[in-house]
Amino acid sequence: MQELVKALESYDTTFHPECVKARNETAKFMASVQNGTGDWLSLLGGSGVGKTFLARLVRNWSKAEGISGGMFIRWITVCDYMRKGDYGVLDAMADASVLIVDDIGADYETELSKSKIYVIAERRYRKPTLFTSNLNLEQIGNQIDVRVASRLVRENNRVVTFGDCPDWSVSNYKN
């Protein structure tokens, strides 16, 4: 586990106490990828708390480990594909060895995008998946689909909520 934490060392855990938990849960997710257990990790909270930063570290780590077939994609990009009539991205997401979906709920919340998040959640059952979102679990249930929120917390899936963690960039801005 220490080597996994080392892969995350560029993530600033001194910024806020919740960052330590986020780093540790991310390392546990990475261990589950290595072990083939198919766990999920959801990083939920406001802008600027490091969710995407951690997600990119996981992507970089998986590439360095030689894990092929992984995919990192922003949900808004998926929505752009679907608006153009290209739904092949959904199959690629479902089939990825490790899927990282950044910023679910950051689109205009059309019925199509809501239904496709659910489809991805269903098709990713017991496959390593990492979601980030500015929404919390309750908001995901209310604004997207309660079934998606339910899948985020099932079985060995982990959820990290950055409750009162402030935006790192704003907090460290020097005028």
Protein backbone atom coordinates (compact mmCIF):
# COMPACT_ATOMS: atom_id res chain seq x y z
CA MET A 1 0.00 0.00 0.00
CA GLN A 2 2.92 2.36 0.68
CA GLU A 3 4.00 2.28 -2.97
CA LEU A 4 0.45 3.24 -3.96
CA VAL A 5 0.46 6.16 -1.53
CA LYS A 6 3.84 7.15 -3.02
CA ALA A 7 2.20 7.33 -6.47
CA LEU A 8 -0.13 9.94 -4.95
CA GLU A 9 2.55 11.98 -3.16
CA SER A 10 2.07 15.06 -5.36
CA TYR A 11 -1.44 15.42 -3.89
CA ASP A 12 -1.31 18.03 -1.09
CA THR A 13 -2.75 16.37 2.02
CA THR A 14 -1.68 19.24 4.29
CA PHE A 15 -4.29 21.53 2.75
CA HIS A 16 -7.30 20.09 4.60
CA PRO A 17 -7.90 17.03 6.84
CA GLU A 18 -10.31 15.50 4.30
CA CYS A 19 -7.44 15.34 1.79
CA VAL A 20 -5.71 12.62 3.85
CA LYS A 21 -8.83 10.43 3.69
CA ALA A 22 -9.17 11.12 -0.04
CA ARG A 23 -5.57 10.08 -0.69
CA ASN A 24 -5.90 6.93 1.44
CA GLU A 25 -9.18 5.88 -0.17
CA THR A 26 -7.67 6.50 -3.61
CA ALA A 27 -4.74 4.24 -2.68
CA LYS A 28 -7.22 1.54 -1.58
CA PHE A 29 -8.99 1.89 -4.94
CA MET A 30 -5.66 1.47 -6.73
CA ALA A 31 -4.98 -1.67 -4.66
CA SER A 32 -8.38 -3.02 -5.72
CA VAL A 33 -7.42 -2.40 -9.35
CA GLN A 34 -4.23 -4.41 -8.79
CA ASN A 35 -6.18 -7.18 -7.05
CA GLY A 36 -8.92 -7.30 -9.68
CA THR A 37 -11.77 -6.83 -7.19
CA GLY A 38 -13.68 -4.31 -9.30
CA ASP A 39 -14.30 -1.76 -6.56
CA TRP A 40 -15.48 1.76 -7.28
CA LEU A 41 -14.36 5.08 -5.86
CA SER A 42 -16.43 8.26 -5.97
CA LEU A 43 -14.81 11.59 -5.12
CA LEU A 44 -17.58 14.10 -4.39
CA GLY A 45 -17.34 17.75 -3.41
CA GLY A 46 -16.92 21.33 -4.46
CA SER A 47 -14.63 22.74 -7.11
CA GLY A 48 -10.92 22.92 -6.50
CA VAL A 49 -10.60 20.26 -3.79
CA GLY A 50 -8.44 17.88 -5.86
CA LYS A 51 -10.92 15.33 -7.20
CA THR A 52 -9.75 15.58 -10.80
CA PHE A 53 -6.12 15.84 -9.67
CA LEU A 54 -6.44 12.50 -7.84
CA ALA A 55 -8.29 10.97 -10.78
CA ARG A 56 -5.48 11.97 -13.14
CA LEU A 57 -2.90 10.52 -10.74
CA VAL A 58 -4.79 7.21 -10.88
CA ARG A 59 -4.82 7.37 -14.69
CA ASN A 60 -1.07 8.10 -14.76
CA TRP A 61 -0.36 5.30 -12.28
CA SER A 62 -2.41 2.77 -14.25
CA LYS A 63 -0.53 3.66 -17.44
CA ALA A 64 2.83 3.39 -15.64
CA GLU A 65 1.77 -0.01 -14.27
CA GLY A 66 1.05 -1.19 -17.82
CA ILE A 67 -2.68 -1.58 -17.25
CA SER A 68 -4.03 -1.46 -20.77
CA GLY A 69 -7.51 -0.52 -21.85
CA GLY A 70 -8.05 2.17 -19.22
CA MET A 71 -10.07 5.28 -19.99
CA PHE A 72 -10.24 8.79 -18.50
CA ILE A 73 -13.07 10.96 -19.82
CA ARG A 74 -14.97 14.02 -18.69
CA TRP A 75 -18.74 13.50 -18.55
CA ILE A 76 -19.31 16.72 -20.51
CA THR A 77 -17.23 15.20 -23.34
CA VAL A 78 -19.44 12.10 -23.29
CA CYS A 79 -22.49 14.38 -23.54
CA ASP A 80 -20.91 16.19 -26.50
CA TYR A 81 -20.45 12.85 -28.30
CA MET A 82 -24.08 11.91 -27.65
CA ARG A 83 -25.37 15.31 -28.86
CA LYS A 84 -23.58 14.57 -32.15
CA GLY A 85 -25.26 11.15 -32.33
CA ASP A 86 -22.10 9.19 -31.43
CA TYR A 87 -22.98 6.62 -28.78
CA GLY A 88 -19.94 4.40 -29.35
CA VAL A 89 -18.22 6.13 -26.46
CA LEU A 90 -20.66 4.39 -24.10
CA ASP A 91 -19.51 0.97 -25.26
CA ALA A 92 -15.88 2.04 -24.88
CA MET A 93 -16.63 3.22 -21.35
CA ALA A 94 -18.43 0.00 -20.46
CA ASP A 95 -15.55 -2.11 -21.78
CA ALA A 96 -12.63 -0.14 -20.29
CA SER A 97 -10.39 -2.10 -17.94
CA VAL A 98 -10.37 0.90 -15.58
CA LEU A 99 -12.85 3.71 -16.14
CA ILE A 100 -12.42 7.21 -14.74
CA VAL A 101 -15.35 9.56 -15.36
CA ASP A 102 -14.71 13.14 -14.36
CA ASP A 103 -17.43 15.53 -13.30
CA ILE A 104 -20.69 13.58 -13.58
CA GLY A 105 -23.57 16.00 -13.26
CA ALA A 106 -21.60 18.87 -14.83
CA ASP A 107 -23.72 18.81 -17.98
CA TYR A 108 -27.12 20.36 -18.56
CA GLU A 109 -28.82 17.34 -17.02
CA THR A 110 -30.88 16.22 -19.96
CA GLU A 111 -32.95 13.07 -19.61
CA LEU A 112 -30.57 11.45 -22.10
CA SER A 113 -27.45 12.23 -20.06
CA LYS A 114 -29.13 11.10 -16.83
CA SER A 115 -30.22 7.81 -18.37
CA LYS A 116 -26.78 7.14 -19.82
CA ILE A 117 -25.02 7.69 -16.48
CA TYR A 118 -27.29 4.97 -15.14
CA VAL A 119 -26.51 2.71 -18.12
CA ILE A 120 -22.78 3.14 -17.49
CA ALA A 121 -23.24 2.43 -13.78
CA GLU A 122 -25.12 -0.78 -14.63
CA ARG A 123 -22.60 -1.91 -17.23
CA ARG A 124 -19.65 -1.21 -14.92
CA TYR A 125 -20.85 -3.58 -12.18
CA ARG A 126 -17.77 -5.10 -10.51
CA LYS A 127 -15.37 -3.32 -12.86
CA PRO A 128 -12.88 -0.75 -11.49
CA THR A 129 -14.54 2.63 -11.84
CA LEU A 130 -13.77 6.07 -10.46
CA PHE A 131 -16.29 8.90 -10.60
CA THR A 132 -15.80 12.53 -9.64
CA SER A 133 -18.61 15.02 -9.15
CA ASN A 134 -19.33 18.42 -7.64
CA LEU A 135 -22.59 16.88 -6.43
CA ASN A 136 -22.97 14.98 -3.16
CA LEU A 137 -24.79 11.62 -2.92
CA GLU A 138 -28.16 13.20 -2.14
CA GLN A 139 -27.84 15.59 -5.08
CA ILE A 140 -26.83 12.74 -7.39
CA GLY A 141 -29.95 10.86 -6.26
CA ASN A 142 -32.21 13.89 -6.72
CA GLN A 143 -30.70 15.47 -9.85
CA ILE A 144 -29.47 12.44 -11.79
CA ASP A 145 -30.97 9.16 -10.59
CA VAL A 146 -31.36 7.56 -7.16
CA ARG A 147 -30.24 4.26 -8.72
CA VAL A 148 -26.89 5.83 -9.62
CA ALA A 149 -26.42 7.11 -6.07
CA SER A 150 -27.29 3.65 -4.78
CA ARG A 151 -24.68 1.96 -6.97
CA LEU A 152 -21.98 4.36 -5.79
CA VAL A 153 -22.30 3.02 -2.23
CA ARG A 154 -22.95 -0.69 -2.83
CA GLU A 155 -20.69 -3.54 -1.80
CA ASN A 156 -17.03 -2.49 -1.46
CA ASN A 157 -17.47 0.80 -3.29
CA ARG A 158 -15.97 3.83 -1.56
CA VAL A 159 -17.27 7.38 -1.43
CA VAL A 160 -15.19 10.34 -0.28
CA THR A 161 -17.12 13.53 0.32
CA PHE A 162 -15.13 16.75 0.61
CA GLY A 163 -17.68 18.41 2.89
CA ASP A 164 -16.27 21.76 3.97
CA CYS A 165 -12.98 21.58 2.09
CA PRO A 166 -12.33 24.94 0.38
CA ASP A 167 -11.09 25.51 -3.15
CA TRP A 168 -7.31 24.99 -3.08
CA SER A 169 -6.54 27.61 -5.75
CA VAL A 170 -8.67 30.30 -4.16
CA SER A 171 -7.28 29.57 -0.70
CA ASN A 172 -3.69 29.73 -1.94
CA TYR A 173 -4.12 32.76 -4.19
CA LYS A 174 -1.56 35.48 -3.47
CA ASN A 175 -2.49 38.90 -4.84
